Amino acid sequence: MLPTKVYFYVLLIVLTVARGSVACKDGFSLKVNKIENCAGPDGVITLSDDTAITLGDDCSLSLQGCVKLNEFNTAAGSVSVSKNGREMFKKQIDACKMGSKIPFVKDFLPGGLCPQSDGQICADPDKKLPMDRFKKMLGIMKGSIGIELNLDHDTGKSCIKMEVEISK
């Protein structure tokens, strides 16, 4: 079994990808088949319908779209990842404690993940996120990947489910 850290990084990549199909010069492609804000419209953290990504020839990511946030001080729950229909792991997480240790969080939330007030965080499509350190992980994750993130907040729940295909 692969280390949990590998799967967590892949989860973060996929969360930033959100919708669409992308490829880069190294031959990898990511296609998001489904994304669902499974806590419904009242979820504490939800992705906008226009969330998308552009993958450059250099395999860097350019994001567009927004994450809507309702006020919260806590964000603990679980993340589960399956590959080709088989659960690879399920892990309890405290996103507030992980904070800026999560890749890209400090780029979007310089003050940390918790607490958050009502609002939204929108990506700057001109900002590129280098993916060099993640390219080797994509080869390990080739196939159909299912990801479910469930978080309990002091103000409600968040849930995001995704199905993606990673191929080369």
Protein backbone atom coordinates (compact mmCIF):
# COMPACT_ATOMS: atom_id res chain seq x y z
CA MET A 1 0.00 0.00 0.00
CA LEU A 2 1.24 3.48 -0.82
CA PRO A 3 1.86 6.02 1.91
CA THR A 4 -1.15 8.07 2.99
CA LYS A 5 0.78 11.25 2.19
CA VAL A 6 0.90 10.29 -1.53
CA TYR A 7 -2.86 9.88 -1.68
CA PHE A 8 -3.45 13.09 0.23
CA TYR A 9 -1.33 15.03 -2.28
CA VAL A 10 -3.24 13.44 -5.15
CA LEU A 11 -6.47 14.46 -3.43
CA LEU A 12 -5.26 18.04 -3.30
CA ILE A 13 -4.31 17.97 -6.96
CA VAL A 14 -7.73 16.65 -7.89
CA LEU A 15 -9.48 19.18 -5.68
CA THR A 16 -7.72 21.93 -7.57
CA VAL A 17 -8.52 20.32 -10.92
CA ALA A 18 -12.23 20.13 -10.11
CA ARG A 19 -13.70 19.91 -13.65
CA GLY A 20 -12.53 19.19 -17.16
CA SER A 21 -9.87 17.17 -18.90
CA VAL A 22 -6.25 18.29 -18.96
CA ALA A 23 -2.94 17.01 -20.29
CA CYS A 24 0.69 18.12 -20.39
CA LYS A 25 3.90 17.39 -22.30
CA ASP A 26 4.74 14.45 -20.01
CA GLY A 27 1.72 12.66 -21.45
CA PHE A 28 -0.48 12.54 -18.35
CA SER A 29 -4.09 13.50 -18.60
CA LEU A 30 -6.66 14.06 -15.89
CA LYS A 31 -10.34 13.92 -16.65
CA VAL A 32 -12.90 14.72 -13.97
CA ASN A 33 -15.97 12.64 -14.69
CA LYS A 34 -18.03 13.82 -11.74
CA ILE A 35 -17.88 16.31 -8.92
CA GLU A 36 -20.56 16.76 -6.32
CA ASN A 37 -21.04 19.15 -3.44
CA CYS A 38 -22.64 16.31 -1.46
CA ALA A 39 -23.49 18.44 1.58
CA GLY A 40 -25.92 20.27 -0.71
CA PRO A 41 -26.23 24.00 -1.28
CA ASP A 42 -25.94 24.66 2.47
CA GLY A 43 -22.48 23.07 2.66
CA VAL A 44 -19.93 25.13 4.55
CA ILE A 45 -17.34 24.75 1.75
CA THR A 46 -18.62 24.40 -1.83
CA LEU A 47 -17.03 24.66 -5.28
CA SER A 48 -18.54 27.01 -7.88
CA ASP A 49 -20.02 25.54 -11.05
CA ASP A 50 -17.44 27.33 -13.21
CA THR A 51 -14.41 25.82 -11.49
CA ALA A 52 -11.92 24.75 -14.17
CA ILE A 53 -8.23 24.32 -14.86
CA THR A 54 -5.74 24.81 -17.63
CA LEU A 55 -2.69 22.57 -17.66
CA GLY A 56 0.28 24.16 -19.40
CA ASP A 57 2.82 22.34 -21.54
CA ASP A 58 5.18 22.59 -18.58
CA CYS A 59 2.59 20.72 -16.44
CA SER A 60 1.84 23.79 -14.32
CA LEU A 61 -1.76 24.46 -13.34
CA SER A 62 -3.76 27.64 -13.90
CA LEU A 63 -7.04 27.67 -12.00
CA GLN A 64 -10.33 29.49 -12.43
CA GLY A 65 -13.48 29.51 -10.37
CA CYS A 66 -14.27 30.05 -6.72
CA VAL A 67 -14.72 28.25 -3.43
CA LYS A 68 -17.67 29.54 -1.42
CA LEU A 69 -17.10 29.56 2.33
CA ASN A 70 -19.58 29.91 5.15
CA GLU A 71 -18.05 30.98 8.45
CA PHE A 72 -16.27 28.23 10.41
CA ASN A 73 -13.60 27.77 13.08
CA THR A 74 -13.11 24.01 12.84
CA ALA A 75 -12.72 21.55 9.95
CA ALA A 76 -12.22 17.93 10.98
CA GLY A 77 -13.44 14.80 9.27
CA SER A 78 -12.31 12.15 6.85
CA VAL A 79 -10.94 11.68 3.37
CA SER A 80 -11.27 8.42 1.50
CA VAL A 81 -9.65 7.44 -1.77
CA SER A 82 -10.51 4.47 -3.96
CA LYS A 83 -8.76 3.24 -7.08
CA ASN A 84 -10.62 1.23 -9.70
CA GLY A 85 -13.47 0.69 -7.21
CA ARG A 86 -11.27 -0.58 -4.35
CA GLU A 87 -10.87 1.58 -1.24
CA MET A 88 -7.19 2.40 -0.85
CA PHE A 89 -7.50 4.26 2.41
CA LYS A 90 -9.75 6.28 4.67
CA LYS A 91 -8.10 8.70 7.04
CA GLN A 92 -9.31 11.04 9.75
CA ILE A 93 -8.00 14.58 9.27
CA ASP A 94 -8.04 17.91 11.04
CA ALA A 95 -7.65 20.41 8.21
CA CYS A 96 -7.20 23.32 10.64
CA LYS A 97 -4.21 21.67 12.31
CA MET A 98 -2.71 20.76 8.93
CA GLY A 99 -3.18 24.35 7.78
CA SER A 100 -0.34 25.72 5.70
CA LYS A 101 1.33 22.29 5.53
CA ILE A 102 -1.23 21.41 2.84
CA PRO A 103 0.24 22.20 -0.60
CA PHE A 104 -1.15 25.38 -2.17
CA VAL A 105 -3.10 26.43 0.96
CA LYS A 106 -0.64 29.19 1.79
CA ASP A 107 -0.95 30.44 -1.81
CA PHE A 108 -4.69 30.98 -1.40
CA LEU A 109 -5.05 31.40 2.38
CA PRO A 110 -1.96 33.16 3.72
CA GLY A 111 -3.61 33.47 7.15
CA GLY A 112 -4.19 29.71 7.35
CA LEU A 113 -7.21 27.51 6.83
CA CYS A 114 -9.02 28.25 10.09
CA PRO A 115 -10.89 30.30 11.05
CA GLN A 116 -12.77 31.49 7.94
CA SER A 117 -15.51 34.08 7.61
CA ASP A 118 -18.34 34.11 5.07
CA GLY A 119 -17.07 34.80 1.59
CA GLN A 120 -15.44 33.23 -1.37
CA ILE A 121 -11.93 32.63 -2.56
CA CYS A 122 -11.45 32.94 -6.28
CA ALA A 123 -8.43 31.71 -8.19
CA ASP A 124 -6.26 34.05 -10.23
CA PRO A 125 -6.09 32.33 -13.65
CA ASP A 126 -2.78 34.11 -14.37
CA LYS A 127 -1.09 32.49 -11.37
CA LYS A 128 0.64 29.20 -12.20
CA LEU A 129 1.10 26.40 -9.72
CA PRO A 130 4.18 24.28 -10.49
CA MET A 131 3.43 20.57 -10.40
CA ASP A 132 6.98 19.19 -10.69
CA ARG A 133 6.96 17.52 -7.29
CA PHE A 134 3.67 15.71 -8.05
CA LYS A 135 4.39 14.30 -11.53
CA LYS A 136 5.80 11.00 -10.28
CA MET A 137 2.74 10.44 -8.11
CA LEU A 138 0.43 10.67 -11.10
CA GLY A 139 2.01 7.54 -12.60
CA ILE A 140 1.20 5.61 -9.43
CA MET A 141 -2.39 6.82 -9.50
CA LYS A 142 -3.22 5.87 -13.12
CA GLY A 143 -6.77 4.56 -13.35
CA SER A 144 -10.17 5.51 -12.03
CA ILE A 145 -9.92 7.41 -8.76
CA GLY A 146 -12.79 8.15 -6.37
CA ILE A 147 -12.33 10.74 -3.65
CA GLU A 148 -14.67 11.76 -0.87
CA LEU A 149 -13.93 14.55 1.58
CA ASN A 150 -16.26 14.94 4.56
CA LEU A 151 -15.66 17.70 7.07
CA ASP A 152 -17.55 18.62 10.23
CA HIS A 153 -17.36 22.28 11.15
CA ASP A 154 -18.63 24.12 14.18
CA THR A 155 -21.21 25.69 11.82
CA GLY A 156 -22.25 22.70 9.65
CA LYS A 157 -20.86 20.14 7.23
CA SER A 158 -18.87 20.05 4.00
CA CYS A 159 -18.75 17.15 1.57
CA ILE A 160 -17.13 16.91 -1.85
CA LYS A 161 -17.15 13.73 -3.96
CA MET A 162 -15.16 13.33 -7.16
CA GLU A 163 -14.48 10.70 -9.77
CA VAL A 164 -11.45 11.21 -12.01
CA GLU A 165 -9.51 9.29 -14.63
CA ILE A 166 -5.73 9.57 -14.67
CA SER A 167 -4.04 8.21 -17.76
CA LYS A 168 -0.82 8.46 -19.73
